[in-house]
Each structure stands twice: as C-alpha cells, then as structure tokens.
Amino acid sequence: MGLLSLAIWTPVLFGVLLLAMGGDKRDSGAVRWLALLGAVAGLAVTVPLYTGFQAGSAAMQFVERVLWVPAFNVHYHLAVDGISLWLVLLTAFINLIVVLAGWEVIQERVNQYMGAFLILSGLMIGVFSAQDAMLFYIFFEATLIPMYLIIGIWGGPNKIYAAFKFFLYTLLGSLLMLVALIYLYNVSGGSFDLQAWYKLPLGAQAQTLLFFAFFAAFAVKIPMWPVHTWLPDVHVEAPTGGSAVLAAIMLKLGAYGFLRFSLPITPDAAHEWSGLMVGLSLVAVVYVGLVAMVQQDMKKLVAYSSVAHMGFVSLGFFLFNDLSVSGAIVQMIAHGFVSAAMFLGIGVLYDRVHSREIASYGGVVNTMPKFAAFALLFTMANCGLPGTAGFVGEWMVILGAVKANFWVGLIAASALIFGAAYSLWMFKRVYLGPVGNDDVKALQDINGREFLVMALLAVMVLYMGIHPKPFTDVMDASVAELLKHVAVSKLP
C-alpha cells in the first residue's frame, strides 16, 4: 500500500473500528484512547510524504494508479504536488487536535463522534490526493456524510436545520460539477484522468459553461459571497470540533477545487471571468468583514471572519501571478491553524459558561490568565499581525494584488483594518476589564489537555509566521507550473 493510501485509509479504518465498539459509557475511556491512537497514526503516516518530497519538482509525486471501474475507465489514482502536500498534512494535524479537544467534552456516543472525525479526515485527504475526477467527486461528496452527522447529532438547538442547510447548499452545487465531469469524460474520449483533461482543447462557450459549473460547486464550499449564508448558521449549531474542522479544512476543499479544475481545465474562461471573481472576493473581504463587526455571538463573528479571510484566497487565485497564487495557498494553510484555534478557544469558554454571547463575559483574563494569553495570540493572528501565520498569506496576496492592479491591492489592504477591528473589539469585551459577572468569577483556567491543544496550535501559528520558507519552498515549482499552463489558451 502506498503512502497516500495509508494516509487516507488509516484514519478511516480506526473510525470504522470505533463505530464497531459500541457506545457504552463504561467503554468510553478505551474509545478515547483508540481514537487518539488513530489520530496519531493518521498524522504519523503523512510525515514521510513531507520528508520524501522533492521540493524543486513540479511533477506529481507518490503516484498510485490502479484501474478501479473498468467499464467507465475510472482509476484509483492518487498523487500530491506542492499545492496539495501541505493540505494533506494540515488535515491530519487538525484531526489530532480535534480528538484531543473533544476528550472530556463529549459524553454521549463518544465512539460515533470520534469515529466520524477520523473517517472525515481520511476522506478529506482523499479529496486532496485524487487525480481521477470521478474519485475526486466520490471523496468530495462523501465528506458531507460524517459532517452532516456531526452537526445533526452533537450540534446546538437548531442542529437539524443547520445540518439540512449545509447538506442542501453543498449538494446542489456539486450536482452541476457532476454534469461538467460527465461532459469532459465524453469529450476526452472516455477518460477521467485530470492530467489528460488539462491538455484538452475546449471552445469558448464550453469553457464558460464548465467554469460556472465548477464555480457552483467550489464557491459554495469556500464559501464565496453571496453563497456564504449557510456558514454562520452551521458554525453556530455545530459542536466545537465540527466548527474547527469545517473552518480549518472543509472550506479549503472548494479553494483547492479551483486550483485543480477551474484554472487548468478552463484557462480562457478563468481569464475572461477573473474580473467577476476578483469583485466577489473583494465584496467578501470588505462587506463580510463589516458584517462580522456587528455580531454579538462569538462563533458567528469568527464564522463571518472566515468568509472574509477566504476572500483573500479566491482573490489571490484570479490575479494570476506567482505571489498572489502562492500567497492564497499559504493563506489556506494559515487560516487552517488560526480558525481552528479561534473556534476551539470559543469552545473552551462555552464548555464552562454555556454561552457564546459576547455580553455573557468580561474580564476573563482575571480568572483564566493562561488561556487569555493564548486567546490574545490567536486574536492577533486573526488580525494578520506580522510574526503570526495570519500575516504571511494575506501580505503575499496584497503584494500580488498591487502587482496586478493598484486599486485592487488598496481595497484588499484596507480590509485588514476591519479584521483588526472586529477581532480586537471581541477580545476587549470578552477578556479585558473587571470581572463581568459571577459566571466569569467562577471560571477555572485551562487544564493540561486544553493547554496542550492550545500550545500545539500556538507553535504552528508562530512557526509559520516567523519562518514561512518551508511552506513556500514546497509549493513554488507547482505554482509556477500551474501559472505557465493557465497562461496558454486552450481554444481549438
């Protein structure tokens, strides 16, 4: 079995084992340790992908290819390049964090909760490594099932509504993508191979229709404005671990789809409609940032901030220069660490006070000084403070935007002020000042397990902010190859 197959199926296998264990409360200790073992093993098998990766090469690496469905020429075809490698590692890392974070909090159906996250982790790694379009589609859709259950079973009071909305939005978008995949299969003479599709000549009208079919699937997933309305509802209802995985990884599936499908398969349409994409991205960065500012619910505020931060990702892709595209990919990884940290931090408070309202807090720094120090670091990273992961990607995208068009760069840069405003204002009202009420007075500071979760995320946020070179070195050759390909017309 190849390394990528191990990375996908190790967590899935542990997840299935957990589901088979039964949800008896007496077994919950064993369940948790098995889940932890599965998460650690899932991360461990991805490490050789990084250590054995040839950084200067744009070629697909760790290739596995087996004929899977002969009747339709569907292959079990896996590989990673510099664009997808870090996303695979990030998925395995966040999965471990979420298992640790849910250790004591989840009391009901522990085996199903942990199993759902492990299976979800494997499926998402499958999305990032699939090189066969049908295999990609199967993994892409399969991720909906565990996430739907996580929201629908362990979510808040309106969990069924939120889970249903999440499923409907993402499924409707994906159906158009399926039509596009079937069209390309027929045009290419019966192949689902992505590399073959990249070489396929396509007319202008076909490219435009395909571009918008892909847009429907991936824009909902990112989510881009105006199809972002499902995200705040889902975040508010989802359990803390669900929010962390949704923000850190699942939103990236859509962004990754643009890089694997929209740009290389329909380069002429991508250039033609880049103005629209840049416009929608800027609306997300500016308008949604302003919407975040007026939120009273901490989870909703961070959910809207996710939409604004992901606006930088889609903006970077459609400026078509090396700085902006590399910056957008760095931003995807950085947002993975920072958004997971923000949601897990809100979860720490919610577990103690059972309220997400900003007004329910005040002066938390007096009773939880260790936790407040972590919260300050993550809030600063959410603002894009230099020296944190949040700065690197946004700064690269802004530099790339100025290179492409000064005014686009100016609007994107000015939006960072909104990010600082809503992040710091929330921090001030929740953490600073005198103790707000008896609930805050009774708070206990974070325990060893919570400290470990926060410390692991803090290390990554600071490491990526201070030394981003390992991240950019891996992707440079692949980004250059992608841009070279997108610059060439595919009109027949």
Protein backbone atom coordinates (compact mmCIF):
# COMPACT_ATOMS: atom_id res chain seq x y z
CA MET A 1 0.00 0.00 0.00
CA GLY A 2 1.35 3.42 -0.96
CA LEU A 3 1.89 6.30 1.45
CA LEU A 4 -1.15 8.24 0.23
CA SER A 5 -3.40 5.20 0.58
CA LEU A 6 -2.08 4.80 4.13
CA ALA A 7 -2.79 8.49 4.84
CA ILE A 8 -6.39 8.07 3.62
CA TRP A 9 -7.33 4.64 4.96
CA THR A 10 -5.52 4.59 8.34
CA PRO A 11 -7.90 7.11 9.97
CA VAL A 12 -10.89 5.59 8.12
CA LEU A 13 -10.03 2.11 9.45
CA PHE A 14 -9.71 3.42 13.02
CA GLY A 15 -13.00 5.28 12.57
CA VAL A 16 -14.78 2.08 11.49
CA LEU A 17 -13.25 0.23 14.47
CA LEU A 18 -14.59 2.92 16.81
CA LEU A 19 -18.08 2.64 15.31
CA ALA A 20 -17.95 -1.13 15.85
CA MET A 21 -17.02 -0.75 19.54
CA GLY A 22 -20.49 0.38 20.67
CA GLY A 23 -21.32 3.47 22.68
CA ASP A 24 -21.45 2.01 26.19
CA LYS A 25 -20.29 4.59 28.74
CA ARG A 26 -18.11 2.02 30.50
CA ASP A 27 -16.02 1.70 27.34
CA SER A 28 -15.64 5.43 26.74
CA GLY A 29 -12.07 5.50 28.12
CA ALA A 30 -10.95 2.78 25.70
CA VAL A 31 -12.81 4.55 22.89
CA ARG A 32 -10.98 7.82 23.52
CA TRP A 33 -7.57 6.17 23.61
CA LEU A 34 -8.27 4.24 20.42
CA ALA A 35 -9.39 7.49 18.75
CA LEU A 36 -6.17 9.18 19.90
CA LEU A 37 -4.10 6.27 18.61
CA GLY A 38 -5.93 6.53 15.26
CA ALA A 39 -5.33 10.29 15.04
CA VAL A 40 -1.63 9.95 15.94
CA ALA A 41 -1.19 7.09 13.45
CA GLY A 42 -3.03 9.15 10.81
CA LEU A 43 -0.60 12.04 11.34
CA ALA A 44 2.47 9.77 11.55
CA VAL A 45 1.84 8.18 8.13
CA THR A 46 1.70 11.63 6.48
CA VAL A 47 5.15 12.67 7.78
CA PRO A 48 7.10 10.59 5.17
CA LEU A 49 5.16 12.49 2.47
CA TYR A 50 6.93 15.66 3.62
CA THR A 51 10.35 14.15 4.32
CA GLY A 52 10.40 12.31 0.97
CA PHE A 53 9.00 15.17 -1.10
CA GLN A 54 11.23 16.59 -3.89
CA ALA A 55 10.70 20.33 -3.30
CA GLY A 56 12.10 21.69 -6.58
CA SER A 57 9.92 19.50 -8.79
CA ALA A 58 6.50 20.37 -10.22
CA ALA A 59 5.78 16.72 -11.01
CA MET A 60 3.12 14.69 -9.22
CA GLN A 61 4.78 12.58 -6.52
CA PHE A 62 3.88 9.40 -4.54
CA VAL A 63 1.76 8.30 -7.51
CA GLU A 64 -0.57 5.30 -7.08
CA ARG A 65 -2.68 4.18 -10.02
CA VAL A 66 -4.90 1.11 -10.27
CA LEU A 67 -7.82 0.51 -12.66
CA TRP A 68 -10.89 0.60 -10.39
CA VAL A 69 -14.06 0.58 -12.56
CA PRO A 70 -13.02 -0.83 -15.98
CA ALA A 71 -16.43 -0.20 -17.60
CA PHE A 72 -16.03 3.59 -17.22
CA ASN A 73 -12.22 3.74 -17.16
CA VAL A 74 -12.24 5.05 -13.55
CA HIS A 75 -8.86 4.73 -11.84
CA TYR A 76 -7.89 4.71 -8.18
CA HIS A 77 -5.29 7.36 -8.99
CA LEU A 78 -3.60 9.26 -6.15
CA ALA A 79 -0.71 11.75 -6.14
CA VAL A 80 0.32 15.01 -4.49
CA ASP A 81 2.32 18.02 -5.64
CA GLY A 82 3.48 21.15 -3.83
CA ILE A 83 -0.05 22.55 -3.84
CA SER A 84 -1.74 19.62 -2.10
CA LEU A 85 1.04 18.29 0.18
CA TRP A 86 0.57 20.82 3.00
CA LEU A 87 -3.21 20.41 2.87
CA VAL A 88 -2.83 16.66 3.49
CA LEU A 89 -0.53 17.32 6.47
CA LEU A 90 -2.82 20.06 7.81
CA THR A 91 -5.85 17.72 7.68
CA ALA A 92 -4.08 15.01 9.70
CA PHE A 93 -2.79 17.58 12.23
CA ILE A 94 -6.20 19.23 12.78
CA ASN A 95 -7.78 15.78 13.19
CA LEU A 96 -5.43 15.06 16.11
CA ILE A 97 -6.21 18.45 17.66
CA VAL A 98 -9.98 17.84 17.41
CA VAL A 99 -9.73 14.40 19.05
CA LEU A 100 -7.80 15.95 21.96
CA ALA A 101 -10.23 18.88 22.20
CA GLY A 102 -13.29 16.60 22.44
CA TRP A 103 -11.69 14.27 25.02
CA GLU A 104 -13.77 15.26 28.08
CA VAL A 105 -16.42 17.45 26.48
CA ILE A 106 -18.23 14.71 24.54
CA GLN A 107 -20.10 12.34 26.89
CA GLU A 108 -22.79 10.92 24.58
CA ARG A 109 -21.95 8.44 21.80
CA VAL A 110 -18.22 9.06 22.15
CA ASN A 111 -17.34 6.25 19.72
CA GLN A 112 -19.56 7.69 16.97
CA TYR A 113 -18.26 11.24 17.49
CA MET A 114 -14.58 10.25 17.34
CA GLY A 115 -15.22 7.75 14.54
CA ALA A 116 -16.98 10.37 12.40
CA PHE A 117 -13.99 12.75 12.68
CA LEU A 118 -11.44 10.05 11.83
CA ILE A 119 -13.43 8.90 8.79
CA LEU A 120 -13.93 12.54 7.72
CA SER A 121 -10.17 13.15 7.99
CA GLY A 122 -9.38 10.24 5.67
CA LEU A 123 -12.00 11.30 3.12
CA MET A 124 -10.69 14.90 3.04
CA ILE A 125 -7.13 13.65 2.46
CA GLY A 126 -8.66 11.64 -0.41
CA VAL A 127 -10.01 14.86 -1.96
CA PHE A 128 -6.56 16.49 -1.80
CA SER A 129 -4.80 13.49 -3.39
CA ALA A 130 -7.27 12.23 -6.04
CA GLN A 131 -6.02 12.60 -9.63
CA ASP A 132 -9.02 10.86 -11.20
CA ALA A 133 -12.03 13.18 -11.50
CA MET A 134 -14.60 10.55 -10.52
CA LEU A 135 -12.52 9.51 -7.50
CA PHE A 136 -12.28 13.20 -6.55
CA TYR A 137 -16.06 13.57 -6.85
CA ILE A 138 -16.73 10.50 -4.69
CA PHE A 139 -14.39 11.73 -1.92
CA PHE A 140 -15.72 15.31 -2.26
CA GLU A 141 -19.34 14.17 -1.76
CA ALA A 142 -18.52 11.53 0.86
CA THR A 143 -17.12 14.20 3.21
CA LEU A 144 -20.68 15.57 3.52
CA ILE A 145 -21.96 12.47 5.32
CA PRO A 146 -19.80 12.49 8.50
CA MET A 147 -20.05 16.30 8.72
CA TYR A 148 -23.84 16.15 8.38
CA LEU A 149 -23.98 13.64 11.25
CA ILE A 150 -21.54 15.63 13.43
CA ILE A 151 -23.73 18.74 13.12
CA GLY A 152 -27.06 16.88 13.28
CA ILE A 153 -26.26 14.73 16.36
CA TRP A 154 -23.88 16.79 18.54
CA GLY A 155 -24.95 20.30 17.46
CA GLY A 156 -26.97 23.03 19.20
CA PRO A 157 -30.76 23.55 19.49
CA ASN A 158 -31.27 24.22 15.73
CA LYS A 159 -28.86 21.48 14.66
CA ILE A 160 -31.26 19.70 12.27
CA TYR A 161 -31.99 22.93 10.38
CA ALA A 162 -28.28 23.78 10.15
CA ALA A 163 -27.28 20.26 9.05
CA PHE A 164 -30.01 20.23 6.40
CA LYS A 165 -28.99 23.68 5.09
CA PHE A 166 -25.33 22.63 4.95
CA PHE A 167 -26.18 19.44 3.05
CA LEU A 168 -28.57 21.07 0.57
CA TYR A 169 -26.31 24.00 -0.33
CA THR A 170 -23.24 21.87 -0.92
CA LEU A 171 -25.07 19.04 -2.69
CA LEU A 172 -26.86 21.36 -5.15
CA GLY A 173 -23.58 22.99 -6.16
CA SER A 174 -21.91 19.61 -6.59
CA LEU A 175 -24.58 18.26 -8.96
CA LEU A 176 -23.60 20.86 -11.57
CA MET A 177 -19.99 19.78 -11.18
CA LEU A 178 -21.05 16.17 -11.88
CA VAL A 179 -22.65 17.29 -15.18
CA ALA A 180 -19.37 19.05 -16.07
CA LEU A 181 -17.34 15.92 -15.26
CA ILE A 182 -19.58 13.73 -17.45
CA TYR A 183 -19.26 16.24 -20.33
CA LEU A 184 -15.46 16.25 -20.05
CA TYR A 185 -15.44 12.44 -19.87
CA ASN A 186 -17.29 12.25 -23.19
CA VAL A 187 -15.21 14.97 -24.89
CA SER A 188 -11.93 13.38 -23.81
CA GLY A 189 -12.90 10.02 -25.31
CA GLY A 190 -13.80 8.25 -22.07
CA SER A 191 -11.17 9.34 -19.55
CA PHE A 192 -11.48 10.79 -16.05
CA ASP A 193 -7.73 11.49 -15.83
CA LEU A 194 -7.16 15.10 -14.72
CA GLN A 195 -3.78 15.36 -16.47
CA ALA A 196 -5.45 14.37 -19.78
CA TRP A 197 -8.18 16.97 -19.22
CA TYR A 198 -5.56 19.70 -18.74
CA LYS A 199 -4.42 19.14 -22.36
CA LEU A 200 -7.96 19.01 -23.80
CA PRO A 201 -8.80 21.81 -26.30
CA LEU A 202 -12.19 23.39 -25.45
CA GLY A 203 -14.27 26.08 -27.21
CA ALA A 204 -15.04 29.40 -25.53
CA GLN A 205 -18.70 28.60 -24.82
CA ALA A 206 -17.89 25.13 -23.44
CA GLN A 207 -15.20 26.63 -21.20
CA THR A 208 -17.58 29.27 -19.83
CA LEU A 209 -20.30 26.72 -19.05
CA LEU A 210 -17.77 24.38 -17.42
CA PHE A 211 -16.23 27.26 -15.46
CA PHE A 212 -19.60 28.19 -13.93
CA ALA A 213 -20.50 24.54 -13.25
CA PHE A 214 -17.27 24.23 -11.24
CA PHE A 215 -17.90 27.65 -9.70
CA ALA A 216 -21.28 26.42 -8.36
CA ALA A 217 -19.61 23.54 -6.52
CA PHE A 218 -16.49 25.28 -5.25
CA ALA A 219 -17.82 28.79 -4.47
CA VAL A 220 -20.46 27.32 -2.13
CA LYS A 221 -17.78 25.32 -0.34
CA ILE A 222 -15.32 28.21 0.20
CA PRO A 223 -17.94 29.91 0.68
CA MET A 224 -17.78 33.00 -1.56
CA TRP A 225 -20.20 35.90 -1.26
CA PRO A 226 -23.21 35.69 -1.89
CA VAL A 227 -23.49 31.90 -1.34
CA HIS A 228 -21.96 32.15 2.13
CA THR A 229 -25.20 32.35 4.13
CA TRP A 230 -25.16 28.68 5.20
CA LEU A 231 -21.82 29.01 7.00
CA PRO A 232 -22.70 31.19 10.06
CA ASP A 233 -25.81 29.06 10.79
CA VAL A 234 -23.80 25.85 10.59
CA HIS A 235 -20.95 27.18 12.76
CA VAL A 236 -23.33 28.38 15.48
CA GLU A 237 -25.03 24.97 15.71
CA ALA A 238 -22.03 22.69 15.13
CA PRO A 239 -20.10 21.27 18.11
CA THR A 240 -16.71 22.90 18.71
CA GLY A 241 -14.75 20.17 16.90
CA GLY A 242 -17.14 20.35 13.95
CA SER A 243 -16.61 24.11 13.65
CA ALA A 244 -12.83 23.68 13.85
CA VAL A 245 -12.70 21.06 11.06
CA LEU A 246 -15.25 22.92 8.93
CA ALA A 247 -13.28 26.19 9.07
CA ALA A 248 -9.78 24.68 9.00
CA ILE A 249 -10.20 22.04 6.28
CA MET A 250 -13.63 21.76 4.63
CA LEU A 251 -13.66 25.33 3.32
CA LYS A 252 -10.31 24.55 1.66
CA LEU A 253 -11.87 21.76 -0.43
CA GLY A 254 -13.61 24.43 -2.54
CA ALA A 255 -10.50 26.58 -2.89
CA TYR A 256 -8.47 23.51 -3.85
CA GLY A 257 -11.10 22.64 -6.49
CA PHE A 258 -10.47 25.98 -8.24
CA LEU A 259 -6.75 25.12 -8.50
CA ARG A 260 -7.32 21.57 -9.77
CA PHE A 261 -10.32 22.13 -12.06
CA SER A 262 -11.38 25.70 -12.89
CA LEU A 263 -7.95 27.23 -13.64
CA PRO A 264 -6.19 24.43 -15.58
CA ILE A 265 -9.22 22.93 -17.41
CA THR A 266 -10.87 26.25 -18.42
CA PRO A 267 -7.99 28.79 -18.52
CA ASP A 268 -9.60 31.09 -21.13
CA ALA A 269 -12.88 31.30 -19.17
CA ALA A 270 -10.91 31.83 -15.95
CA HIS A 271 -9.17 34.85 -17.52
CA GLU A 272 -12.39 36.14 -19.06
CA TRP A 273 -14.34 35.98 -15.78
CA SER A 274 -11.46 36.91 -13.47
CA GLY A 275 -12.92 40.43 -13.03
CA LEU A 276 -16.13 38.93 -11.61
CA MET A 277 -14.17 36.62 -9.30
CA VAL A 278 -11.96 39.44 -8.04
CA GLY A 279 -15.07 41.59 -7.47
CA LEU A 280 -16.87 38.87 -5.47
CA SER A 281 -13.71 38.25 -3.44
CA LEU A 282 -13.35 41.94 -2.58
CA VAL A 283 -17.01 42.09 -1.52
CA ALA A 284 -16.34 39.12 0.80
CA VAL A 285 -13.23 40.76 2.22
CA VAL A 286 -14.84 44.18 2.82
CA TYR A 287 -18.60 43.70 3.28
CA VAL A 288 -18.45 40.43 5.24
CA GLY A 289 -15.74 41.98 7.44
CA LEU A 290 -18.19 44.76 8.29
CA VAL A 291 -20.94 42.19 8.97
CA ALA A 292 -18.58 40.39 11.39
CA MET A 293 -18.15 43.63 13.34
CA VAL A 294 -21.79 43.80 14.47
CA GLN A 295 -22.11 40.17 15.64
CA GLN A 296 -22.95 39.52 19.30
CA ASP A 297 -22.31 35.76 19.10
CA MET A 298 -18.59 34.87 19.19
CA LYS A 299 -18.98 31.88 16.87
CA LYS A 300 -20.93 33.93 14.32
CA LEU A 301 -18.25 36.63 14.42
CA VAL A 302 -15.46 34.12 13.73
CA ALA A 303 -17.62 32.41 11.05
CA TYR A 304 -18.02 35.70 9.17
CA SER A 305 -14.32 36.42 9.64
CA SER A 306 -13.64 33.03 7.95
CA VAL A 307 -15.61 34.16 4.89
CA ALA A 308 -13.58 37.39 4.81
CA HIS A 309 -10.24 35.56 5.17
CA MET A 310 -11.19 33.03 2.48
CA GLY A 311 -11.97 36.04 0.25
CA PHE A 312 -8.21 36.63 0.15
CA VAL A 313 -7.76 33.05 -1.12
CA SER A 314 -10.15 33.38 -4.09
CA LEU A 315 -8.75 36.88 -4.76
CA GLY A 316 -5.20 35.53 -4.98
CA PHE A 317 -6.13 32.74 -7.42
CA PHE A 318 -7.68 35.07 -10.00
CA LEU A 319 -4.88 37.65 -10.12
CA PHE A 320 -2.72 35.07 -11.94
CA ASN A 321 0.73 35.92 -10.62
CA ASP A 322 3.13 33.79 -8.61
CA LEU A 323 2.96 35.99 -5.50
CA SER A 324 -0.83 36.08 -5.33
CA VAL A 325 -1.39 32.35 -6.00
CA SER A 326 1.36 31.23 -3.58
CA GLY A 327 0.01 33.73 -1.04
CA ALA A 328 -3.51 32.32 -1.42
CA ILE A 329 -2.27 28.76 -0.78
CA VAL A 330 -0.25 29.94 2.24
CA GLN A 331 -3.39 31.74 3.45
CA MET A 332 -5.37 28.47 3.17
CA ILE A 333 -2.88 26.71 5.46
CA ALA A 334 -2.54 29.64 7.88
CA HIS A 335 -6.32 30.04 8.10
CA GLY A 336 -6.47 26.34 8.95
CA PHE A 337 -4.37 26.85 12.07
CA VAL A 338 -5.84 30.21 13.11
CA SER A 339 -9.55 29.46 12.56
CA ALA A 340 -9.26 26.09 14.35
CA ALA A 341 -7.59 27.89 17.27
CA MET A 342 -10.29 30.59 17.36
CA PHE A 343 -13.16 28.09 17.38
CA LEU A 344 -11.50 25.79 19.92
CA GLY A 345 -10.90 28.84 22.15
CA ILE A 346 -14.59 29.74 22.00
CA GLY A 347 -15.31 26.09 22.82
CA VAL A 348 -13.19 26.31 26.00
CA LEU A 349 -15.35 29.22 27.23
CA TYR A 350 -18.61 27.62 26.08
CA ASP A 351 -17.85 24.37 27.96
CA ARG A 352 -17.61 26.38 31.19
CA VAL A 353 -20.31 29.07 30.82
CA HIS A 354 -22.62 27.54 28.14
CA SER A 355 -22.97 30.84 26.31
CA ARG A 356 -21.42 32.16 23.10
CA GLU A 357 -22.76 35.69 23.62
CA ILE A 358 -20.03 38.31 24.00
CA ALA A 359 -22.21 40.06 26.62
CA SER A 360 -22.01 36.97 28.89
CA TYR A 361 -18.31 37.59 29.50
CA GLY A 362 -15.92 40.36 30.53
CA GLY A 363 -12.65 40.29 32.46
CA VAL A 364 -11.86 36.63 31.68
CA VAL A 365 -8.15 37.49 31.91
CA ASN A 366 -8.57 37.85 35.69
CA THR A 367 -9.71 34.26 36.20
CA MET A 368 -8.07 32.50 33.20
CA PRO A 369 -4.70 34.24 32.62
CA LYS A 370 -3.04 31.30 30.79
CA PHE A 371 -5.97 30.87 28.45
CA ALA A 372 -6.24 34.63 27.84
CA ALA A 373 -2.58 34.69 26.73
CA PHE A 374 -3.32 32.04 24.07
CA ALA A 375 -6.52 33.84 23.07
CA LEU A 376 -4.56 37.07 22.57
CA LEU A 377 -2.03 35.33 20.29
CA PHE A 378 -4.78 33.77 18.15
CA THR A 379 -6.73 37.04 18.02
CA MET A 380 -3.59 38.81 16.77
CA ALA A 381 -3.09 36.09 14.17
CA ASN A 382 -6.72 36.58 13.08
CA CYS A 383 -5.91 40.29 12.60
CA GLY A 384 -2.90 39.41 10.44
CA LEU A 385 -0.22 40.62 12.87
CA PRO A 386 3.35 40.27 11.45
CA GLY A 387 5.11 37.31 13.05
CA THR A 388 1.96 35.16 13.03
CA ALA A 389 0.67 32.79 10.36
CA GLY A 390 -2.25 35.11 9.59
CA PHE A 391 0.09 37.78 8.20
CA VAL A 392 2.12 35.84 5.64
CA GLY A 393 -0.57 34.75 3.15
CA GLU A 394 -2.59 37.98 3.29
CA TRP A 395 0.56 40.06 2.80
CA MET A 396 1.61 37.97 -0.22
CA VAL A 397 -1.88 38.26 -1.75
CA ILE A 398 -1.88 42.06 -1.22
CA LEU A 399 1.58 42.35 -2.84
CA GLY A 400 0.35 40.22 -5.75
CA ALA A 401 -2.80 42.36 -6.00
CA VAL A 402 -0.77 45.60 -6.15
CA LYS A 403 1.38 43.97 -8.86
CA ALA A 404 -1.80 43.23 -10.88
CA ASN A 405 -3.82 46.37 -10.09
CA PHE A 406 -3.00 49.02 -7.50
CA TRP A 407 -6.66 49.74 -6.61
CA VAL A 408 -7.47 46.06 -6.00
CA GLY A 409 -4.43 45.90 -3.71
CA LEU A 410 -5.52 49.06 -1.87
CA ILE A 411 -9.06 47.77 -1.23
CA ALA A 412 -7.74 44.39 -0.05
CA ALA A 413 -5.18 46.03 2.24
CA SER A 414 -7.69 48.45 3.77
CA ALA A 415 -9.91 45.46 4.62
CA LEU A 416 -7.25 44.28 7.07
CA ILE A 417 -8.31 47.19 9.27
CA PHE A 418 -11.78 45.63 9.60
CA GLY A 419 -10.17 42.33 10.59
CA ALA A 420 -8.25 44.07 13.36
CA ALA A 421 -11.36 45.99 14.44
CA TYR A 422 -13.72 43.05 14.93
CA SER A 423 -11.05 40.70 16.37
CA LEU A 424 -9.67 43.17 18.92
CA TRP A 425 -13.09 44.53 19.86
CA MET A 426 -14.27 41.00 20.65
CA PHE A 427 -11.11 40.34 22.67
CA LYS A 428 -11.56 43.59 24.63
CA ARG A 429 -15.18 42.83 25.56
CA VAL A 430 -14.61 39.17 26.47
CA TYR A 431 -11.21 39.20 28.18
CA LEU A 432 -10.26 42.68 29.40
CA GLY A 433 -11.58 44.95 32.16
CA PRO A 434 -13.04 43.95 35.55
CA VAL A 435 -14.75 40.58 36.08
CA GLY A 436 -18.10 40.85 34.30
CA ASN A 437 -20.33 38.54 36.37
CA ASP A 438 -20.46 35.55 38.72
CA ASP A 439 -20.02 33.06 35.86
CA VAL A 440 -16.70 34.67 34.91
CA LYS A 441 -15.70 34.86 38.60
CA ALA A 442 -16.17 31.10 38.93
CA LEU A 443 -14.10 30.21 35.84
CA GLN A 444 -11.21 27.75 36.17
CA ASP A 445 -8.12 28.22 33.98
CA ILE A 446 -7.36 25.65 31.27
CA ASN A 447 -6.24 22.17 32.33
CA GLY A 448 -3.25 20.25 30.96
CA ARG A 449 -5.13 18.76 27.99
CA GLU A 450 -6.57 22.12 26.92
CA PHE A 451 -3.14 23.70 27.38
CA LEU A 452 -1.61 21.05 25.08
CA VAL A 453 -4.24 21.72 22.37
CA MET A 454 -3.67 25.49 22.54
CA ALA A 455 0.13 25.10 22.71
CA LEU A 456 0.27 22.86 19.60
CA LEU A 457 -1.74 25.41 17.62
CA ALA A 458 0.27 28.32 19.03
CA VAL A 459 3.55 26.67 17.94
CA MET A 460 2.26 26.26 14.38
CA VAL A 461 0.84 29.81 14.21
CA LEU A 462 4.17 31.29 15.36
CA TYR A 463 6.39 28.93 13.36
CA MET A 464 4.55 29.66 10.13
CA GLY A 465 4.56 33.40 10.87
CA ILE A 466 8.26 33.61 11.69
CA HIS A 467 9.63 31.05 9.21
CA PRO A 468 7.26 30.54 6.24
CA LYS A 469 10.04 29.35 3.90
CA PRO A 470 9.40 25.58 4.31
CA PHE A 471 5.78 26.18 3.30
CA THR A 472 6.55 28.30 0.23
CA ASP A 473 9.54 26.19 -0.91
CA VAL A 474 7.31 23.13 -1.31
CA MET A 475 4.73 24.92 -3.48
CA ASP A 476 6.86 27.25 -5.65
CA ALA A 477 7.56 24.83 -8.53
CA SER A 478 3.95 23.60 -8.66
CA VAL A 479 2.53 27.15 -8.64
CA ALA A 480 4.92 28.20 -11.44
CA GLU A 481 3.87 25.16 -13.50
CA LEU A 482 0.16 25.90 -12.91
CA LEU A 483 0.54 29.56 -13.97
CA LYS A 484 2.52 28.56 -17.06
CA HIS A 485 -0.32 26.21 -18.02
CA VAL A 486 -3.10 28.76 -17.30
CA ALA A 487 -1.32 31.38 -19.45
CA VAL A 488 -1.73 29.23 -22.59
CA SER A 489 -5.06 29.34 -24.43
CA LYS A 490 -6.94 26.08 -24.95
CA LEU A 491 -9.26 27.39 -27.65
CA PRO A 492 -9.21 24.99 -30.64
